[in-house]
Amino acid sequence: MLFMGLTLGLAGKILLGVSVILVHGKITHEKRIDGIVLMEMRREQILAIMGVILMIVGYLMELSHFGLI
């Protein structure tokens, strides 16, 4: 049960992170937006990617702590 809870929680977080990354990617291709805004959107996109990576690493650490891997 713990494994399923951790896995579903991670899946939800990753889906949320990926949706943010996709939206930021589409907005940065828009030509009518100010350059400063585009730079900030790219920065946020990089932070979202780093966040997803940290969630995966944390998940693996939790599984290791509970002896599930």
Protein backbone atom coordinates (compact mmCIF):
# COMPACT_ATOMS: atom_id res chain seq x y z
CA MET A 1 0.00 0.00 0.00
CA LEU A 2 2.86 2.38 0.84
CA PHE A 3 4.51 1.67 -2.51
CA MET A 4 1.30 2.42 -4.40
CA GLY A 5 0.76 5.64 -2.45
CA LEU A 6 4.27 6.87 -3.11
CA THR A 7 4.04 5.89 -6.77
CA LEU A 8 0.68 7.59 -7.36
CA GLY A 9 1.85 10.71 -5.52
CA LEU A 10 4.95 10.90 -7.69
CA ALA A 11 2.94 10.33 -10.87
CA GLY A 12 0.64 13.23 -9.98
CA LYS A 13 3.53 15.55 -9.21
CA ILE A 14 5.31 14.64 -12.43
CA LEU A 15 2.13 15.18 -14.48
CA LEU A 16 1.76 18.61 -12.92
CA GLY A 17 5.40 19.45 -13.59
CA VAL A 18 5.28 18.23 -17.18
CA SER A 19 2.13 20.25 -17.87
CA VAL A 20 3.87 23.40 -16.58
CA ILE A 21 6.89 22.65 -18.77
CA LEU A 22 4.69 22.12 -21.85
CA VAL A 23 2.70 25.31 -21.28
CA HIS A 24 5.87 27.34 -20.80
CA GLY A 25 7.31 25.80 -23.96
CA LYS A 26 4.28 26.82 -26.02
CA ILE A 27 4.24 30.34 -24.61
CA THR A 28 7.94 30.90 -25.34
CA HIS A 29 7.25 30.24 -29.04
CA GLU A 30 4.72 33.08 -29.10
CA LYS A 31 6.18 36.06 -30.98
CA ARG A 32 3.89 38.74 -29.51
CA ILE A 33 5.29 38.46 -25.97
CA ASP A 34 7.97 40.77 -24.59
CA GLY A 35 11.55 39.43 -24.57
CA ILE A 36 11.90 39.89 -20.80
CA VAL A 37 8.80 37.77 -20.22
CA LEU A 38 10.15 35.09 -22.56
CA MET A 39 13.45 34.95 -20.65
CA GLU A 40 11.55 34.56 -17.38
CA MET A 41 9.38 31.81 -18.86
CA ARG A 42 12.49 29.92 -20.02
CA ARG A 43 13.96 30.27 -16.51
CA GLU A 44 10.76 28.91 -14.98
CA GLN A 45 10.79 26.04 -17.46
CA ILE A 46 14.31 25.08 -16.36
CA LEU A 47 13.26 25.27 -12.70
CA ALA A 48 10.26 23.02 -13.42
CA ILE A 49 12.52 20.44 -15.09
CA MET A 50 14.85 20.53 -12.08
CA GLY A 51 11.82 20.11 -9.80
CA VAL A 52 10.68 16.99 -11.65
CA ILE A 53 14.19 15.53 -11.42
CA LEU A 54 14.28 16.23 -7.67
CA MET A 55 10.88 14.58 -7.22
CA ILE A 56 12.14 11.43 -8.93
CA VAL A 57 15.32 11.38 -6.85
CA GLY A 58 13.30 11.90 -3.66
CA TYR A 59 10.96 9.07 -4.65
CA LEU A 60 13.88 6.71 -5.15
CA MET A 61 15.31 7.76 -1.78
CA GLU A 62 11.95 7.08 -0.07
CA LEU A 63 11.71 3.65 -1.67
CA SER A 64 15.25 2.89 -0.55
CA HIS A 65 14.52 4.05 3.00
CA PHE A 66 11.47 1.82 3.31
CA GLY A 67 13.33 -1.13 1.77
CA LEU A 68 11.10 -1.35 -1.28
CA ILE A 69 14.02 -1.38 -3.75
